[in-house]
Structures are given as C-alpha cells and as structure tokens.
Amino acid sequence: MKKPILNVGTIGHVDHGKTTLTAAITQVMAARFGGNALRFDDIDSAPEEKAKGVTINLAHVEYESAARRYAHIDCPGHADYVKNMITGASQMDGAIVLVDATQGSQDQTREHVLLAKQVGAPHVVVFVNKMDVADPELVDLVVIDIDDLLRRFGYIDAPIVRGSALGAYRAVTEGRLDDPWVASIEKLVATMDQAFPEPVRDLVSPFLMPVEAVHTIDGIGTVVTGRISRGMLRVGDAIEILGRKDGERREAIVTGIERFHRDQREAPAGENVGVRLRGVRRDEIARGHVLAAPGSIGAHRRCRAELYLLTAREGGRARPIRAGYRPQLFIGATDVTATLHV
C-alpha cells in the first residue's frame, strides 16, 4: 500500500537548530527506512547561506516513517527572510516548532508561531533541542513557556519531545543507532505520525499551483517549482500562467513532472513538484504567478474580503485601520501591496 504524503516543516528562532534537525531526521529515517541521508550543506546549499550560516530560502527534503512519506520544508529563521518563511508555513499540514533548551522561546519563535497560525498551519509538535548541553533545572521552565505560547495562539496540548538534533546526527553518522539522541528523533517522527492527521486533498477541482521558483536548466528548458493546491497534473497537459503584471495569460505544455529528483507521469494535490514547461520563456513567468487548468480561473485586481484583525496580545496592531490603509498581502507564493476600501 502506498504511504500517504504529508507536508511538514521546521519553524523557530535563528540558530536554534532547525537545519540540523532537518538533517538529523533524514539521517535517522534513511537508516531505518531507506532514502536520502542529507548533510547540513545539502540543505543550506546556496553560497550566501553558507557564508552567513543562516537559512535564507526554503529547502525541501523527503523522508519516510513507518506509516508515511514526509515532504519537509526547512524554513528560514532569520528576521530578514520572513517572506520565504510565510511561503513555507502556508504549505504545511503540520509544523515542528523548534526551541533551544538553553535559551527558551525567543522573538522569532513567537513570530513564527503567529505566522503559522495566520496562514493556517493546523497542527504543531514541539522539539526541545540541545538537551545534551542544557541545565535540567531550566528545561521544565522552557517547556512551560513554549506550551503557554502555543496555547495563546490556539495550539492546545501540543506534544513536546526533548532531544538533541546534533547528538543524533553525530551518532547516526558514526553508526550508533542505539544512541538515546537517535531515539529522540525517532520519537519525534512517531509523534508526527500520531499528531498530524492525514489531510483531505482536493483531487476533483481543476488544477492550480502557485509558482514558488523558476529555473532554466540546460538541455531541459524552463522548470517551475511549487506545491499543487488542488486537482491533478499530468505530463502532456496544457496549462495557463496567470498573475503577470501586464494581465496577459501565457499558455504552455507540461513536458515533465519531477518530485525529489524522480520523474513521474502525474502528481496530485498536496505534492511539491518541479514542472517542465514548453512554450514559455524564463522571463515570461516568475515567483508569485500561478499555473492553472485553462479557463478555470481569472486574474483580478479587486476582491471582497472579510478581515480578522489580530489583537495586540496576538501580535497584531494596537491602532485601528482606516480606508486607504495599504497592507502587504501574502497569497500563495506572492506578496503584493493592496489598498483597503471600506
């Protein structure tokens, strides 16, 4: 029986160990169930990420548990890269909130939990990291604090797992699979299996996919990546590209679909894929555009919206908004400045 696919990701403060945890999970799960065991550099692969030592762009990796396949997004934790973090959180069926046991929750921990709630990440589990170097007397306070933070944003009784991502990474790469820190990673993934229900995907509606990134690959042509929001995509399908500033639609043909470096003939809603296109140039498509079944949707400059304003306690504004207010809207993979008419 084919294992279901869930989209998950790590969120939390910079340097609390998100990328280390992502690498550790791939190492441990590859040792148990097969698959690719990744190093830190395989995830933070861009030159500027290596130079700065922080994650800037989203990194997508894959691993399996006993029950599922996970597509895992390693989200940026640096304050300057919040737009990419929002894109990642909006793709998640569940989030791993990472907290450094030696520091507790920090500004970006709270910011990421708020953003996860705003974009609709439905479930979270907590991994209290760096237990190998933490003061045991302070860890319980860290746990109480993060539980209180999550409750304030509606995440009630979120499971909490304690461990060491770096300890697990070192142990598994040295062949010590019986190490207790390896067991902590296994417990985390088993907790995800239990805490994250399998989402219901819309496989019936016409195909729709926000474009997260665009690439030009020698010998292949234009390739776009993103998460399919609804419907099915098949090789040979005709699609439309919408969201261009000039308002024009572009048409293209799907010549290939790739998921984690494996070609496939079709892909359903919920999967993160690379799509090879014929009939469109690199400069005719960009992040924030959408791919759609022909004639299924239109592009609009005005919309009617129902707003919920976060209170100051929830991290929102302390002052009211008025007609003419210009907020930044994040929709799929795009961000655009809007004007509010009341």
Protein backbone atom coordinates (compact mmCIF):
# COMPACT_ATOMS: atom_id res chain seq x y z
CA MET A 1 0.00 0.00 0.00
CA LYS A 2 1.35 3.42 -0.96
CA LYS A 3 2.17 5.61 2.02
CA PRO A 4 0.34 8.96 2.22
CA ILE A 5 2.38 12.14 1.77
CA LEU A 6 2.27 14.95 4.33
CA ASN A 7 3.91 18.37 4.07
CA VAL A 8 5.65 19.42 7.27
CA GLY A 9 8.37 21.84 8.25
CA THR A 10 10.60 23.25 10.96
CA ILE A 11 9.98 26.74 12.33
CA GLY A 12 11.66 28.66 15.13
CA HIS A 13 14.32 31.16 16.12
CA VAL A 14 17.59 31.54 14.18
CA ASP A 15 20.38 29.19 15.35
CA HIS A 16 18.07 27.04 17.48
CA GLY A 17 18.95 24.13 15.17
CA LYS A 18 16.24 23.88 12.51
CA THR A 19 18.56 22.83 9.68
CA THR A 20 20.48 20.49 12.00
CA LEU A 21 17.20 18.85 12.98
CA THR A 22 16.13 18.51 9.35
CA ALA A 23 19.44 16.83 8.50
CA ALA A 24 19.23 14.59 11.58
CA ILE A 25 15.72 13.42 10.68
CA THR A 26 16.83 12.47 7.16
CA GLN A 27 19.85 10.62 8.55
CA VAL A 28 17.85 8.64 11.12
CA MET A 29 14.91 7.85 8.85
CA ALA A 30 17.24 6.83 5.99
CA ALA A 31 18.98 4.42 8.36
CA ARG A 32 15.63 2.91 9.41
CA PHE A 33 13.53 3.02 6.24
CA GLY A 34 15.89 3.91 3.38
CA GLY A 35 16.06 7.13 1.38
CA ASN A 36 18.50 10.02 1.18
CA ALA A 37 20.55 10.91 4.25
CA LEU A 38 21.41 14.60 3.95
CA ARG A 39 24.20 16.69 5.44
CA PHE A 40 23.83 20.27 6.63
CA ASP A 41 25.43 21.58 3.42
CA ASP A 42 22.93 19.63 1.32
CA ILE A 43 20.15 21.72 2.87
CA ASP A 44 21.77 25.17 3.25
CA SER A 45 23.23 24.88 -0.24
CA ALA A 46 23.16 28.45 -1.56
CA PRO A 47 26.51 30.31 -1.34
CA GLU A 48 25.00 33.19 0.65
CA GLU A 49 23.50 30.70 3.12
CA LYS A 50 26.86 29.05 3.70
CA ALA A 51 28.57 32.41 4.07
CA LYS A 52 26.07 33.77 6.58
CA GLY A 53 25.37 30.49 8.36
CA VAL A 54 21.60 31.02 8.16
CA THR A 55 18.82 29.60 6.01
CA ILE A 56 17.52 32.18 3.52
CA ASN A 57 15.45 30.21 1.02
CA LEU A 58 13.14 27.29 1.59
CA ALA A 59 14.76 23.87 1.45
CA HIS A 60 12.63 20.83 0.55
CA VAL A 61 13.68 17.32 1.63
CA GLU A 62 11.92 13.97 1.79
CA TYR A 63 11.95 11.04 4.20
CA GLU A 64 9.75 8.14 5.28
CA SER A 65 8.40 6.93 8.60
CA ALA A 66 6.78 3.58 9.30
CA ALA A 67 3.42 4.96 8.18
CA ARG A 68 4.05 7.93 5.89
CA ARG A 69 6.20 9.86 3.48
CA TYR A 70 7.05 13.39 4.54
CA ALA A 71 7.91 16.36 2.32
CA HIS A 72 9.80 18.56 4.78
CA ILE A 73 10.37 22.31 4.42
CA ASP A 74 13.28 23.85 6.32
CA CYS A 75 12.08 27.42 6.89
CA PRO A 76 14.35 30.43 7.34
CA GLY A 77 14.74 31.69 10.88
CA HIS A 78 16.45 34.97 10.13
CA ALA A 79 14.20 38.02 10.52
CA ASP A 80 15.06 39.43 7.08
CA TYR A 81 13.64 36.39 5.30
CA VAL A 82 10.13 36.30 6.73
CA LYS A 83 8.53 36.27 3.25
CA ASN A 84 10.08 32.89 2.50
CA MET A 85 9.03 31.64 5.92
CA ILE A 86 5.40 32.62 5.21
CA THR A 87 5.52 30.70 1.92
CA GLY A 88 6.81 27.64 3.74
CA ALA A 89 4.29 27.77 6.57
CA SER A 90 1.40 28.15 4.13
CA GLN A 91 2.35 24.80 2.57
CA MET A 92 2.40 22.82 5.82
CA ASP A 93 -0.03 20.16 7.01
CA GLY A 94 1.84 20.33 10.33
CA ALA A 95 4.78 22.22 11.81
CA ILE A 96 7.67 21.29 14.11
CA VAL A 97 8.31 24.18 16.49
CA LEU A 98 11.97 24.04 17.48
CA VAL A 99 13.13 25.52 20.79
CA ASP A 100 16.68 25.67 22.14
CA ALA A 101 16.61 24.19 25.67
CA THR A 102 19.41 26.55 26.74
CA GLN A 103 17.56 29.70 25.62
CA GLY A 104 13.84 29.02 25.52
CA SER A 105 11.45 30.71 23.11
CA GLN A 106 12.75 33.91 21.52
CA ASP A 107 11.36 36.71 19.36
CA GLN A 108 11.36 34.71 16.14
CA THR A 109 9.86 31.68 17.90
CA ARG A 110 6.83 33.80 18.76
CA GLU A 111 6.80 35.42 15.32
CA HIS A 112 6.89 32.06 13.54
CA VAL A 113 4.11 30.60 15.70
CA LEU A 114 1.99 33.67 14.93
CA LEU A 115 2.67 33.36 11.20
CA ALA A 116 1.96 29.62 11.24
CA LYS A 117 -1.40 30.33 12.83
CA GLN A 118 -2.18 33.17 10.42
CA VAL A 119 -1.52 31.11 7.30
CA GLY A 120 -3.43 28.11 8.62
CA ALA A 121 -0.83 25.53 9.68
CA PRO A 122 -3.32 23.28 11.53
CA HIS A 123 -1.15 21.25 13.91
CA VAL A 124 2.22 21.56 15.67
CA VAL A 125 4.59 19.42 17.68
CA VAL A 126 7.48 20.83 19.71
CA PHE A 127 11.07 19.63 19.70
CA VAL A 128 13.09 20.95 22.64
CA ASN A 129 16.60 20.82 21.20
CA LYS A 130 20.13 20.79 22.67
CA MET A 131 19.16 18.71 25.69
CA ASP A 132 22.72 17.37 25.73
CA VAL A 133 24.03 20.78 26.88
CA ALA A 134 21.01 22.14 28.78
CA ASP A 135 20.62 22.72 32.51
CA PRO A 136 17.99 20.13 33.58
CA GLU A 137 16.56 22.53 36.16
CA LEU A 138 15.79 25.11 33.47
CA VAL A 139 14.32 22.77 30.86
CA ASP A 140 10.97 22.41 32.64
CA LEU A 141 10.61 26.21 32.60
CA VAL A 142 11.36 26.23 28.86
CA VAL A 143 8.65 23.59 28.32
CA ILE A 144 6.09 25.54 30.37
CA ASP A 145 6.91 28.72 28.45
CA ILE A 146 6.55 27.20 24.98
CA ASP A 147 3.34 25.41 25.97
CA ASP A 148 1.91 28.73 27.20
CA LEU A 149 2.96 30.46 23.96
CA LEU A 150 1.27 27.82 21.81
CA ARG A 151 -1.91 27.94 23.87
CA ARG A 152 -2.16 31.69 23.33
CA PHE A 153 -2.36 31.04 19.59
CA GLY A 154 -4.81 28.16 19.84
CA TYR A 155 -2.43 25.20 19.74
CA ILE A 156 -3.73 23.34 22.80
CA ASP A 157 -1.86 20.36 24.32
CA ALA A 158 0.75 20.26 21.55
CA PRO A 159 3.03 17.22 22.03
CA ILE A 160 6.54 18.06 23.26
CA VAL A 161 9.59 15.88 22.55
CA ARG A 162 13.00 16.50 24.11
CA GLY A 163 16.25 15.58 22.37
CA SER A 164 19.41 16.67 20.60
CA ALA A 165 19.48 17.07 16.83
CA LEU A 166 23.26 17.41 16.71
CA GLY A 167 23.73 14.47 19.07
CA ALA A 168 21.50 12.32 16.87
CA TYR A 169 23.23 13.48 13.67
CA ARG A 170 26.66 12.61 15.04
CA ALA A 171 25.53 9.27 16.43
CA VAL A 172 23.85 8.01 13.27
CA THR A 173 26.73 9.10 11.02
CA GLU A 174 29.04 7.13 13.34
CA GLY A 175 26.79 4.06 13.18
CA ARG A 176 25.46 4.29 16.76
CA LEU A 177 21.77 3.73 16.05
CA ASP A 178 21.06 2.72 19.65
CA ASP A 179 22.10 6.16 20.93
CA PRO A 180 19.40 7.87 23.06
CA TRP A 181 19.56 11.01 20.92
CA VAL A 182 18.75 8.91 17.84
CA ALA A 183 15.78 7.57 19.80
CA SER A 184 14.63 11.15 20.40
CA ILE A 185 14.43 11.75 16.64
CA GLU A 186 12.53 8.50 16.16
CA LYS A 187 10.13 9.58 18.91
CA LEU A 188 9.64 12.95 17.20
CA VAL A 189 8.70 11.38 13.87
CA ALA A 190 6.43 8.82 15.58
CA THR A 191 4.75 11.75 17.36
CA MET A 192 4.23 13.46 14.00
CA ASP A 193 2.58 10.27 12.70
CA GLN A 194 0.10 10.48 15.58
CA ALA A 195 -0.40 14.25 15.91
CA PHE A 196 -0.72 15.21 12.23
CA PRO A 197 -3.91 13.76 10.72
CA GLU A 198 -3.86 12.85 7.06
CA PRO A 199 -5.30 15.85 5.18
CA VAL A 200 -8.12 15.56 2.68
CA ARG A 201 -6.82 16.62 -0.75
CA ASP A 202 -9.00 18.17 -3.43
CA LEU A 203 -8.31 15.91 -6.42
CA VAL A 204 -11.51 16.78 -8.30
CA SER A 205 -11.30 20.55 -8.89
CA PRO A 206 -9.31 21.95 -11.83
CA PHE A 207 -5.53 22.02 -11.41
CA LEU A 208 -3.98 25.00 -9.60
CA MET A 209 -0.39 25.59 -8.41
CA PRO A 210 1.29 28.79 -7.14
CA VAL A 211 4.78 29.20 -8.58
CA GLU A 212 7.41 29.25 -5.84
CA ALA A 213 10.53 29.40 -8.03
CA VAL A 214 11.56 29.41 -11.70
CA HIS A 215 14.70 27.82 -13.15
CA THR A 216 16.33 27.43 -16.54
CA ILE A 217 18.13 24.09 -16.89
CA ASP A 218 20.47 23.38 -19.80
CA GLY A 219 19.02 20.80 -22.14
CA ILE A 220 15.64 20.88 -20.42
CA GLY A 221 14.35 24.45 -20.55
CA THR A 222 12.03 26.24 -18.15
CA VAL A 223 11.24 24.47 -14.87
CA VAL A 224 8.92 25.85 -12.18
CA THR A 225 8.51 24.51 -8.66
CA GLY A 226 5.66 24.70 -6.18
CA ARG A 227 3.02 22.81 -4.24
CA ILE A 228 -0.11 21.72 -6.09
CA SER A 229 -3.09 23.34 -4.35
CA ARG A 230 -5.82 21.29 -5.99
CA GLY A 231 -6.54 18.85 -8.79
CA MET A 232 -4.18 16.62 -10.75
CA LEU A 233 -1.34 17.45 -13.13
CA ARG A 234 -0.25 15.07 -15.88
CA VAL A 235 2.51 15.09 -18.47
CA GLY A 236 1.06 16.43 -21.71
CA ASP A 237 -1.46 18.73 -20.01
CA ALA A 238 -1.99 22.23 -21.34
CA ILE A 239 -1.84 24.89 -18.62
CA GLU A 240 -2.24 28.65 -18.32
CA ILE A 241 0.08 31.04 -16.49
CA LEU A 242 -1.71 33.87 -14.70
CA GLY A 243 -0.71 36.73 -12.42
CA ARG A 244 1.51 38.67 -14.80
CA LYS A 245 1.66 42.45 -14.34
CA ASP A 246 0.50 43.03 -17.91
CA GLY A 247 -2.62 40.96 -17.19
CA GLU A 248 -1.97 38.63 -20.12
CA ARG A 249 -2.23 34.85 -19.93
CA ARG A 250 0.51 32.61 -21.24
CA GLU A 251 -0.07 29.05 -22.39
CA ALA A 252 2.36 26.16 -22.03
CA ILE A 253 2.53 22.39 -22.21
CA VAL A 254 3.72 20.17 -19.37
CA THR A 255 6.59 18.06 -20.71
CA GLY A 256 7.75 16.56 -17.43
CA ILE A 257 6.99 16.32 -13.71
CA GLU A 258 9.68 15.69 -11.12
CA ARG A 259 9.35 15.07 -7.41
CA PHE A 260 12.56 14.98 -5.35
CA HIS A 261 14.65 14.18 -8.45
CA ARG A 262 12.35 11.36 -9.61
CA ASP A 263 10.32 11.64 -12.81
CA GLN A 264 6.63 10.79 -12.64
CA ARG A 265 3.76 10.89 -15.11
CA GLU A 266 1.28 12.66 -12.82
CA ALA A 267 1.07 14.45 -9.48
CA PRO A 268 -1.91 15.07 -7.18
CA ALA A 269 -2.82 17.99 -4.92
CA GLY A 270 -0.51 18.35 -1.93
CA GLU A 271 2.71 17.33 -3.68
CA ASN A 272 5.74 19.61 -4.09
CA VAL A 273 6.92 19.20 -7.68
CA GLY A 274 9.10 20.58 -10.41
CA VAL A 275 7.22 21.08 -13.68
CA ARG A 276 8.98 21.25 -17.05
CA LEU A 277 7.19 23.56 -19.47
CA ARG A 278 7.30 24.01 -23.25
CA GLY A 279 6.12 27.21 -24.89
CA VAL A 280 7.13 29.72 -22.25
CA ARG A 281 10.39 31.61 -21.77
CA ARG A 282 12.11 32.15 -18.45
CA ASP A 283 11.31 35.88 -18.50
CA GLU A 284 7.58 35.23 -19.04
CA ILE A 285 7.00 33.51 -15.69
CA ALA A 286 8.04 34.40 -12.14
CA ARG A 287 7.57 33.55 -8.48
CA GLY A 288 4.05 34.50 -7.43
CA HIS A 289 2.41 33.59 -10.74
CA VAL A 290 0.07 30.60 -10.81
CA LEU A 291 -0.30 27.61 -13.11
CA ALA A 292 -3.91 26.64 -13.75
CA ALA A 293 -6.09 24.45 -15.91
CA PRO A 294 -7.10 26.50 -18.99
CA GLY A 295 -10.17 28.66 -18.38
CA SER A 296 -10.57 27.58 -14.75
CA ILE A 297 -9.69 30.87 -13.01
CA GLY A 298 -9.17 34.53 -13.80
CA ALA A 299 -6.82 37.26 -12.60
CA HIS A 300 -8.36 40.10 -10.61
CA ARG A 301 -7.24 43.45 -9.22
CA ARG A 302 -10.14 43.88 -6.78
CA CYS A 303 -11.71 41.46 -4.32
CA ARG A 304 -14.18 41.48 -1.45
CA ALA A 305 -12.67 40.27 1.83
CA GLU A 306 -13.72 39.56 5.39
CA LEU A 307 -10.97 40.69 7.78
CA TYR A 308 -10.00 39.50 11.22
CA LEU A 309 -7.71 41.96 12.99
CA LEU A 310 -5.30 40.42 15.46
CA THR A 311 -5.32 41.98 18.90
CA ALA A 312 -2.14 43.44 20.35
CA ARG A 313 -1.86 40.33 22.56
CA GLU A 314 -1.99 38.17 19.45
CA GLY A 315 0.82 40.17 17.86
CA GLY A 316 -1.43 42.50 15.87
CA ARG A 317 -1.87 46.24 15.62
CA ALA A 318 -2.57 48.44 18.63
CA ARG A 319 -4.25 51.11 16.45
CA PRO A 320 -7.31 50.75 14.17
CA ILE A 321 -7.07 50.72 10.38
CA ARG A 322 -8.93 53.11 8.09
CA ALA A 323 -9.88 53.40 4.44
CA GLY A 324 -6.77 53.84 2.34
CA TYR A 325 -4.66 51.59 4.55
CA ARG A 326 -2.08 49.76 2.42
CA PRO A 327 -1.27 46.31 3.82
CA GLN A 328 1.06 43.75 2.30
CA LEU A 329 -0.89 40.69 1.17
CA PHE A 330 0.70 37.24 1.05
CA ILE A 331 -1.21 34.87 -1.22
CA GLY A 332 0.36 31.56 -2.16
CA ALA A 333 3.92 32.45 -3.13
CA THR A 334 3.28 36.09 -3.99
CA ASP A 335 3.26 39.25 -1.92
CA VAL A 336 1.61 42.41 -3.17
CA THR A 337 0.68 45.79 -1.72
CA ALA A 338 -3.08 46.36 -1.55
CA THR A 339 -5.30 49.35 -0.78
CA LEU A 340 -8.22 48.93 1.62
CA HIS A 341 -11.60 50.43 0.65
CA VAL A 342 -14.23 50.27 3.40
